[in-house]
Amino acid sequence: MTRTKNYILDREVADKKLRRMALEILENNADETELVLAGIRESGSVVARCIQQLLTEMSTLKTELISISLDKKNPSEITLSQQSDFNNKVIIVIDDVANSGKTLLYALKPFLAYHPRKIQTLVLVERSHNSFPVHPDYRGISIATTLQEHIFVEVDGNCVMGAYLE
């Protein structure tokens, strides 16, 4: 038996949420000339690429895209797709879903060896189960869920296809 997915975002709504977040980024970083977009693999990297594409369409702001790799269950080792000098840079750490804040917190770790101008966080879907002191600066949608429910963001190549609750 095939179960139907309980979609909370379809592709069209996800696109609108991503566009709105890109505009918020531009508003909150109006004086900046460059941003580092750090997407958490896998789906977070797709969201980061979508945000980068929108920022490029909307402005002349220079963006650098990198990926963060970590085991979300046991995030002891965090690696970046490329090393760079993050001093005095604006970094936006991007993931698909924020559950407890743990993944976002650990994803910040590599940048703490530097002195960035600011670090911001972005998620497409925020759940209300924060156990860690990290709250997204940019969120596509906030949704109250039970701890037993899970949210999955569907991606296809460089496109966010939607998000569903299971």
C-alpha atoms as a PDB file:
ATOM      1  CA  MET A   1       0.000   0.000   0.000  1.00  0.00           C
ATOM      2  CA  THR A   2       1.362   3.391  -0.968  1.00  0.00           C
ATOM      3  CA  ARG A   3       1.058   6.060   1.711  1.00  0.00           C
ATOM      4  CA  THR A   4       0.349   9.583   0.603  1.00  0.00           C
ATOM      5  CA  LYS A   5       2.756  12.183   1.851  1.00  0.00           C
ATOM      6  CA  ASN A   6       1.468  14.917   4.130  1.00  0.00           C
ATOM      7  CA  TYR A   7       3.027  17.913   2.366  1.00  0.00           C
ATOM      8  CA  ILE A   8       3.564  21.097   4.357  1.00  0.00           C
ATOM      9  CA  LEU A   9       5.300  22.812   1.417  1.00  0.00           C
ATOM     10  CA  ASP A  10       4.926  22.116  -2.283  1.00  0.00           C
ATOM     11  CA  ARG A  11       7.440  23.301  -4.862  1.00  0.00           C
ATOM     12  CA  GLU A  12       5.651  26.582  -5.565  1.00  0.00           C
ATOM     13  CA  VAL A  13       5.345  27.531  -1.885  1.00  0.00           C
ATOM     14  CA  ALA A  14       8.947  26.422  -1.198  1.00  0.00           C
ATOM     15  CA  ASP A  15      10.112  28.699  -4.041  1.00  0.00           C
ATOM     16  CA  LYS A  16       8.214  31.631  -2.509  1.00  0.00           C
ATOM     17  CA  LYS A  17       9.729  30.938   0.934  1.00  0.00           C
ATOM     18  CA  LEU A  18      13.250  30.758  -0.542  1.00  0.00           C
ATOM     19  CA  ARG A  19      12.712  34.031  -2.442  1.00  0.00           C
ATOM     20  CA  ARG A  20      11.452  35.768   0.702  1.00  0.00           C
ATOM     21  CA  MET A  21      14.461  34.551   2.708  1.00  0.00           C
ATOM     22  CA  ALA A  22      16.829  35.772  -0.023  1.00  0.00           C
ATOM     23  CA  LEU A  23      15.214  39.215   0.186  1.00  0.00           C
ATOM     24  CA  GLU A  24      15.574  39.182   3.983  1.00  0.00           C
ATOM     25  CA  ILE A  25      19.263  38.315   3.601  1.00  0.00           C
ATOM     26  CA  LEU A  26      19.731  41.286   1.290  1.00  0.00           C
ATOM     27  CA  GLU A  27      17.891  43.589   3.703  1.00  0.00           C
ATOM     28  CA  ASN A  28      19.886  42.417   6.723  1.00  0.00           C
ATOM     29  CA  ASN A  29      23.212  42.576   4.892  1.00  0.00           C
ATOM     30  CA  ALA A  30      22.710  45.732   2.816  1.00  0.00           C
ATOM     31  CA  ASP A  31      26.178  47.073   3.667  1.00  0.00           C
ATOM     32  CA  GLU A  32      28.003  43.855   2.783  1.00  0.00           C
ATOM     33  CA  THR A  33      29.832  43.128  -0.460  1.00  0.00           C
ATOM     34  CA  GLU A  34      30.261  39.378   0.013  1.00  0.00           C
ATOM     35  CA  LEU A  35      28.557  36.484   1.818  1.00  0.00           C
ATOM     36  CA  VAL A  36      29.712  32.942   2.502  1.00  0.00           C
ATOM     37  CA  LEU A  37      26.818  30.486   2.132  1.00  0.00           C
ATOM     38  CA  ALA A  38      27.637  27.273   4.000  1.00  0.00           C
ATOM     39  CA  GLY A  39      25.136  24.506   3.238  1.00  0.00           C
ATOM     40  CA  ILE A  40      24.929  21.423   5.435  1.00  0.00           C
ATOM     41  CA  ARG A  41      25.037  18.339   3.210  1.00  0.00           C
ATOM     42  CA  GLU A  42      22.892  17.044   1.546  1.00  0.00           C
ATOM     43  CA  SER A  43      19.599  18.908   1.437  1.00  0.00           C
ATOM     44  CA  GLY A  44      21.022  21.983   3.181  1.00  0.00           C
ATOM     45  CA  SER A  45      23.514  22.331   0.331  1.00  0.00           C
ATOM     46  CA  VAL A  46      20.652  22.321  -2.186  1.00  0.00           C
ATOM     47  CA  VAL A  47      18.833  25.017  -0.197  1.00  0.00           C
ATOM     48  CA  ALA A  48      22.106  27.011  -0.125  1.00  0.00           C
ATOM     49  CA  ARG A  49      22.480  26.722  -3.929  1.00  0.00           C
ATOM     50  CA  CYS A  50      18.885  27.930  -4.373  1.00  0.00           C
ATOM     51  CA  ILE A  51      19.548  30.906  -2.098  1.00  0.00           C
ATOM     52  CA  GLN A  52      22.770  31.690  -3.964  1.00  0.00           C
ATOM     53  CA  GLN A  53      20.952  31.617  -7.314  1.00  0.00           C
ATOM     54  CA  LEU A  54      18.238  33.952  -6.002  1.00  0.00           C
ATOM     55  CA  LEU A  55      20.786  36.368  -4.511  1.00  0.00           C
ATOM     56  CA  THR A  56      22.608  36.453  -7.862  1.00  0.00           C
ATOM     57  CA  GLU A  57      19.343  37.253  -9.672  1.00  0.00           C
ATOM     58  CA  MET A  58      18.393  39.988  -7.189  1.00  0.00           C
ATOM     59  CA  SER A  59      21.676  41.769  -6.518  1.00  0.00           C
ATOM     60  CA  THR A  60      25.347  42.235  -7.325  1.00  0.00           C
ATOM     61  CA  LEU A  61      26.329  40.796  -3.940  1.00  0.00           C
ATOM     62  CA  LYS A  62      29.201  38.341  -4.296  1.00  0.00           C
ATOM     63  CA  THR A  63      28.543  34.912  -2.781  1.00  0.00           C
ATOM     64  CA  GLU A  64      30.859  32.028  -2.012  1.00  0.00           C
ATOM     65  CA  LEU A  65      29.220  28.612  -1.656  1.00  0.00           C
ATOM     66  CA  ILE A  66      30.741  25.887   0.509  1.00  0.00           C
ATOM     67  CA  SER A  67      29.441  22.636   1.975  1.00  0.00           C
ATOM     68  CA  ILE A  68      29.604  21.412   5.548  1.00  0.00           C
ATOM     69  CA  SER A  69      29.784  17.654   6.112  1.00  0.00           C
ATOM     70  CA  LEU A  70      28.969  16.093   9.464  1.00  0.00           C
ATOM     71  CA  ASP A  71      27.239  13.087  10.966  1.00  0.00           C
ATOM     72  CA  LYS A  72      24.002  14.595  12.267  1.00  0.00           C
ATOM     73  CA  LYS A  73      23.606  11.848  14.895  1.00  0.00           C
ATOM     74  CA  ASN A  74      27.202  12.099  16.204  1.00  0.00           C
ATOM     75  CA  PRO A  75      28.701  15.382  14.935  1.00  0.00           C
ATOM     76  CA  SER A  76      32.218  15.030  16.330  1.00  0.00           C
ATOM     77  CA  GLU A  77      33.978  15.568  12.999  1.00  0.00           C
ATOM     78  CA  ILE A  78      32.929  18.514  10.863  1.00  0.00           C
ATOM     79  CA  THR A  79      34.572  19.183   7.497  1.00  0.00           C
ATOM     80  CA  LEU A  80      34.255  22.029   5.023  1.00  0.00           C
ATOM     81  CA  SER A  81      34.357  21.499   1.258  1.00  0.00           C
ATOM     82  CA  GLN A  82      37.068  24.153   1.055  1.00  0.00           C
ATOM     83  CA  GLN A  83      39.217  26.023   3.515  1.00  0.00           C
ATOM     84  CA  SER A  84      39.234  29.775   3.352  1.00  0.00           C
ATOM     85  CA  ASP A  85      39.978  32.792   5.487  1.00  0.00           C
ATOM     86  CA  PHE A  86      36.676  33.466   7.216  1.00  0.00           C
ATOM     87  CA  ASN A  87      37.988  36.429   9.189  1.00  0.00           C
ATOM     88  CA  ASN A  88      35.765  39.504   8.858  1.00  0.00           C
ATOM     89  CA  LYS A  89      33.332  37.606   6.606  1.00  0.00           C
ATOM     90  CA  VAL A  90      29.573  37.199   6.877  1.00  0.00           C
ATOM     91  CA  ILE A  91      28.725  33.498   7.022  1.00  0.00           C
ATOM     92  CA  ILE A  92      25.237  32.065   6.647  1.00  0.00           C
ATOM     93  CA  VAL A  93      24.952  28.429   7.763  1.00  0.00           C
ATOM     94  CA  ILE A  94      22.078  26.777   5.878  1.00  0.00           C
ATOM     95  CA  ASP A  95      20.149  23.557   6.529  1.00  0.00           C
ATOM     96  CA  ASP A  96      16.861  22.109   5.356  1.00  0.00           C
ATOM     97  CA  VAL A  97      15.193  21.455   8.738  1.00  0.00           C
ATOM     98  CA  ALA A  98      16.001  22.653  12.258  1.00  0.00           C
ATOM     99  CA  ASN A  99      14.859  20.159  14.878  1.00  0.00           C
ATOM    100  CA  SER A 100      16.720  20.669  18.147  1.00  0.00           C
ATOM    101  CA  GLY A 101      19.368  23.118  16.927  1.00  0.00           C
ATOM    102  CA  LYS A 102      22.132  20.544  17.449  1.00  0.00           C
ATOM    103  CA  THR A 103      23.204  20.273  13.808  1.00  0.00           C
ATOM    104  CA  LEU A 104      23.306  24.055  13.362  1.00  0.00           C
ATOM    105  CA  LEU A 105      25.313  24.412  16.584  1.00  0.00           C
ATOM    106  CA  TYR A 106      27.946  21.883  15.533  1.00  0.00           C
ATOM    107  CA  ALA A 107      28.057  23.282  11.994  1.00  0.00           C
ATOM    108  CA  LEU A 108      29.267  26.572  13.492  1.00  0.00           C
ATOM    109  CA  LYS A 109      32.353  24.907  15.006  1.00  0.00           C
ATOM    110  CA  PRO A 110      34.796  25.252  12.060  1.00  0.00           C
ATOM    111  CA  PHE A 111      34.102  28.988  11.844  1.00  0.00           C
ATOM    112  CA  LEU A 112      34.929  29.600  15.511  1.00  0.00           C
ATOM    113  CA  ALA A 113      38.651  29.295  14.742  1.00  0.00           C
ATOM    114  CA  TYR A 114      38.258  32.585  12.845  1.00  0.00           C
ATOM    115  CA  HIS A 115      36.788  35.977  13.640  1.00  0.00           C
ATOM    116  CA  PRO A 116      33.848  36.347  11.245  1.00  0.00           C
ATOM    117  CA  ARG A 117      32.026  39.683  11.144  1.00  0.00           C
ATOM    118  CA  LYS A 118      28.777  37.794  11.758  1.00  0.00           C
ATOM    119  CA  ILE A 119      27.290  34.334  11.487  1.00  0.00           C
ATOM    120  CA  GLN A 120      23.644  33.852  10.602  1.00  0.00           C
ATOM    121  CA  THR A 121      21.570  30.700  10.193  1.00  0.00           C
ATOM    122  CA  LEU A 122      18.863  29.789   7.693  1.00  0.00           C
ATOM    123  CA  VAL A 123      16.514  26.804   7.520  1.00  0.00           C
ATOM    124  CA  LEU A 124      13.656  26.043   5.186  1.00  0.00           C
ATOM    125  CA  VAL A 125      11.601  24.408   7.968  1.00  0.00           C
ATOM    126  CA  GLU A 126      11.915  25.157  11.677  1.00  0.00           C
ATOM    127  CA  ARG A 127      10.417  22.837  14.266  1.00  0.00           C
ATOM    128  CA  SER A 128       9.804  23.978  17.803  1.00  0.00           C
ATOM    129  CA  HIS A 129      11.971  21.488  19.732  1.00  0.00           C
ATOM    130  CA  ASN A 130      15.043  23.590  20.502  1.00  0.00           C
ATOM    131  CA  SER A 131      17.414  21.902  22.930  1.00  0.00           C
ATOM    132  CA  PHE A 132      20.391  24.040  21.928  1.00  0.00           C
ATOM    133  CA  PRO A 133      20.779  27.844  21.955  1.00  0.00           C
ATOM    134  CA  VAL A 134      20.664  28.217  18.169  1.00  0.00           C
ATOM    135  CA  HIS A 135      17.623  29.806  16.584  1.00  0.00           C
ATOM    136  CA  PRO A 136      17.449  30.386  12.828  1.00  0.00           C
ATOM    137  CA  ASP A 137      17.794  33.989  11.693  1.00  0.00           C
ATOM    138  CA  TYR A 138      15.894  33.095   8.516  1.00  0.00           C
ATOM    139  CA  ARG A 139      13.153  30.472   8.339  1.00  0.00           C
ATOM    140  CA  GLY A 140      10.871  29.527   5.493  1.00  0.00           C
ATOM    141  CA  ILE A 141       8.173  28.090   7.734  1.00  0.00           C
ATOM    142  CA  SER A 142       7.869  27.312  11.440  1.00  0.00           C
ATOM    143  CA  ILE A 143       5.759  24.332  12.347  1.00  0.00           C
ATOM    144  CA  ALA A 144       4.853  22.748  15.657  1.00  0.00           C
ATOM    145  CA  THR A 145       5.287  18.986  15.565  1.00  0.00           C
ATOM    146  CA  THR A 146       5.484  16.148  18.036  1.00  0.00           C
ATOM    147  CA  LEU A 147       8.873  14.632  18.794  1.00  0.00           C
ATOM    148  CA  GLN A 148       7.737  11.442  17.019  1.00  0.00           C
ATOM    149  CA  GLU A 149       6.996  13.241  13.761  1.00  0.00           C
ATOM    150  CA  HIS A 150       9.687  13.874  11.166  1.00  0.00           C
ATOM    151  CA  ILE A 151       9.948  16.452   8.402  1.00  0.00           C
ATOM    152  CA  PHE A 152      11.604  15.541   5.131  1.00  0.00           C
ATOM    153  CA  VAL A 153      12.662  18.049   2.484  1.00  0.00           C
ATOM    154  CA  GLU A 154      12.579  16.613  -1.031  1.00  0.00           C
ATOM    155  CA  VAL A 155      15.214  17.832  -3.442  1.00  0.00           C
ATOM    156  CA  ASP A 156      15.862  17.016  -7.065  1.00  0.00           C
ATOM    157  CA  GLY A 157      19.216  18.193  -8.362  1.00  0.00           C
ATOM    158  CA  ASN A 158      19.371  21.874  -7.447  1.00  0.00           C
ATOM    159  CA  CYS A 159      15.627  22.267  -6.813  1.00  0.00           C
ATOM    160  CA  VAL A 160      13.630  22.020  -3.609  1.00  0.00           C
ATOM    161  CA  MET A 161      10.555  20.015  -4.550  1.00  0.00           C
ATOM    162  CA  GLY A 162       8.747  20.366  -1.223  1.00  0.00           C
ATOM    163  CA  ALA A 163       8.626  19.207   2.372  1.00  0.00           C
ATOM    164  CA  TYR A 164       6.393  16.696   4.060  1.00  0.00           C
ATOM    165  CA  LEU A 165       5.563  15.522   7.551  1.00  0.00           C
ATOM    166  CA  GLU A 166       5.720  11.866   8.507  1.00  0.00           C
END
